[in-house]
Amino acid sequence: YQSGHDKNAFWNGTPVGATSHDTTEGGDLHDVTNAGTQGKQALISGVERDEGTVTLVFDTANAPEALGIRFGAYGIITVATGGSPISKPCRVARVLRKSAVNAAVMVTFDWKSSIT
C-alpha cells in the first residue's frame, strides 16, 4: 500500500492504504402493524445489507490482486471513520481502476456484506 495514506481500511487484517472509504449499514424493514399498535406503524428488522467503497492508490509492489482484492473474493473488511472500527464478512462486488495522464492509478472496490 502507499505509505502515509489513511490506515483505517483493512482487507483481511492488511492495511490497504486507502485514500477514502465509506460504509452504509442498512437492510430490510418489515411492517408488522396490527390492531394492537392502535393505528401506529410497527416495523421489525429483517435481512441486514451492508456495503461500502474503498479507494486506494495502485502500488505495483503491493497490487490489490496480491492482497486478494478481486471481483467475487470473500474476506473481512474493517473500516473506522471517527469511531470504533466496523468489521464485516463480505464479497468484493466491483473493482474499478482509473488512470489519467500524469496522475496515479487509482483503484476503487465495492463490497457487500455476506456470510459465505
Protein backbone atom coordinates (compact mmCIF):
# COMPACT_ATOMS: atom_id res chain seq x y z
CA TYR A 1 0.00 0.00 0.00
CA GLN A 2 1.04 3.62 -0.27
CA SER A 3 2.79 4.60 2.94
CA GLY A 4 1.34 7.68 4.58
CA HIS A 5 -2.21 7.16 3.37
CA ASP A 6 -5.18 6.54 5.63
CA LYS A 7 -4.65 3.32 7.58
CA ASN A 8 -8.29 3.00 8.64
CA ALA A 9 -9.23 0.41 5.99
CA PHE A 10 -8.07 -3.20 6.14
CA TRP A 11 -8.70 -6.26 3.93
CA ASN A 12 -8.29 -9.48 5.92
CA GLY A 13 -6.27 -7.57 8.51
CA THR A 14 -3.85 -5.97 6.00
CA PRO A 15 -3.92 -2.18 5.60
CA VAL A 16 -4.76 -1.22 2.01
CA GLY A 17 -3.54 2.39 2.07
CA ALA A 18 -6.99 3.80 1.47
CA THR A 19 -7.30 7.41 0.40
CA SER A 20 -11.04 7.25 1.20
CA HIS A 21 -13.73 4.80 2.23
CA ASP A 22 -17.40 4.75 3.09
CA THR A 23 -19.80 2.30 4.66
CA THR A 24 -23.58 2.05 4.54
CA GLU A 25 -25.28 -0.11 7.13
CA GLY A 26 -28.84 -0.97 6.24
CA GLY A 27 -31.29 -3.69 5.45
CA ASP A 28 -34.92 -4.63 5.17
CA LEU A 29 -37.67 -3.43 7.49
CA HIS A 30 -40.90 -5.41 7.69
CA ASP A 31 -44.24 -3.82 8.53
CA VAL A 32 -45.98 -5.70 11.35
CA THR A 33 -48.63 -3.06 12.03
CA ASN A 34 -51.78 -4.60 13.53
CA ALA A 35 -54.78 -3.73 15.65
CA GLY A 36 -52.61 -3.83 18.77
CA THR A 37 -50.46 -0.94 17.53
CA GLN A 38 -53.56 1.33 17.54
CA GLY A 39 -53.01 2.78 14.09
CA LYS A 40 -49.31 3.37 14.56
CA GLN A 41 -46.80 1.80 12.21
CA ALA A 42 -44.70 -1.01 13.70
CA LEU A 43 -41.53 -2.24 11.98
CA ILE A 44 -39.09 -5.06 12.70
CA SER A 45 -35.68 -5.53 11.15
CA GLY A 46 -35.09 -8.19 8.55
CA VAL A 47 -32.10 -9.05 6.39
CA GLU A 48 -29.03 -6.89 7.04
CA ARG A 49 -27.47 -5.49 3.84
CA ASP A 50 -24.27 -3.56 4.45
CA GLU A 51 -21.99 -2.22 1.72
CA GLY A 52 -19.18 0.20 1.12
CA THR A 53 -16.46 1.51 -1.14
CA VAL A 54 -12.70 1.77 -0.62
CA THR A 55 -10.38 3.83 -2.83
CA LEU A 56 -6.61 3.43 -2.85
CA VAL A 57 -3.58 4.38 -4.92
CA PHE A 58 -2.40 1.45 -7.06
CA ASP A 59 1.03 0.26 -5.96
CA THR A 60 2.83 -2.23 -8.24
CA ALA A 61 4.79 -3.52 -5.25
CA ASN A 62 1.57 -4.45 -3.46
CA ALA A 63 -1.18 -4.65 -6.08
CA PRO A 64 -4.79 -5.22 -4.97
CA GLU A 65 -4.74 -8.64 -6.63
CA ALA A 66 -1.81 -9.62 -4.38
CA LEU A 67 -3.99 -8.74 -1.40
CA GLY A 68 -6.81 -10.88 -2.81
CA ILE A 69 -8.95 -7.89 -3.82
CA ARG A 70 -10.71 -9.03 -6.98
CA PHE A 71 -14.33 -9.50 -8.09
CA GLY A 72 -16.11 -12.15 -6.03
CA ALA A 73 -13.36 -12.50 -3.43
CA TYR A 74 -14.53 -13.26 0.11
CA GLY A 75 -12.87 -11.57 3.07
CA ILE A 76 -13.21 -9.38 6.12
CA ILE A 77 -13.35 -5.61 5.57
CA THR A 78 -12.52 -3.43 8.56
CA VAL A 79 -13.03 0.33 8.41
CA ALA A 80 -13.01 3.08 11.01
CA THR A 81 -14.49 6.51 10.47
CA GLY A 82 -14.20 8.67 13.55
CA GLY A 83 -15.12 5.90 15.93
CA SER A 84 -14.90 2.22 16.65
CA PRO A 85 -13.84 0.01 13.74
CA ILE A 86 -16.54 -1.89 11.87
CA SER A 87 -15.62 -5.37 10.62
CA LYS A 88 -17.86 -7.24 8.19
CA PRO A 89 -17.54 -10.50 6.29
CA CYS A 90 -18.11 -9.57 2.68
CA ARG A 91 -17.57 -10.17 -1.01
CA VAL A 92 -15.93 -7.80 -3.48
CA ALA A 93 -18.74 -6.63 -5.76
CA ARG A 94 -16.74 -4.49 -8.21
CA VAL A 95 -13.17 -3.37 -8.87
CA LEU A 96 -12.53 -0.16 -10.83
CA ARG A 97 -9.12 1.00 -11.99
CA LYS A 98 -8.87 4.63 -13.06
CA SER A 99 -5.89 6.26 -14.67
CA ALA A 100 -5.10 9.68 -16.09
CA VAL A 101 -2.15 11.37 -17.75
CA ASN A 102 0.44 12.44 -15.15
CA ALA A 103 -1.63 11.00 -12.31
CA ALA A 104 -1.54 7.95 -10.09
CA VAL A 105 -3.62 4.91 -10.98
CA MET A 106 -6.49 4.74 -8.50
CA VAL A 107 -8.29 1.54 -7.57
CA THR A 108 -11.79 1.55 -6.10
CA PHE A 109 -13.51 -1.58 -4.87
CA ASP A 110 -17.08 -2.01 -3.69
CA TRP A 111 -18.01 -4.62 -1.13
CA LYS A 112 -21.28 -6.11 0.07
CA SER A 113 -21.80 -7.99 3.31
CA SER A 114 -22.04 -11.77 3.01
CA ILE A 115 -21.54 -14.60 5.49
CA THR A 116 -20.42 -17.04 2.79
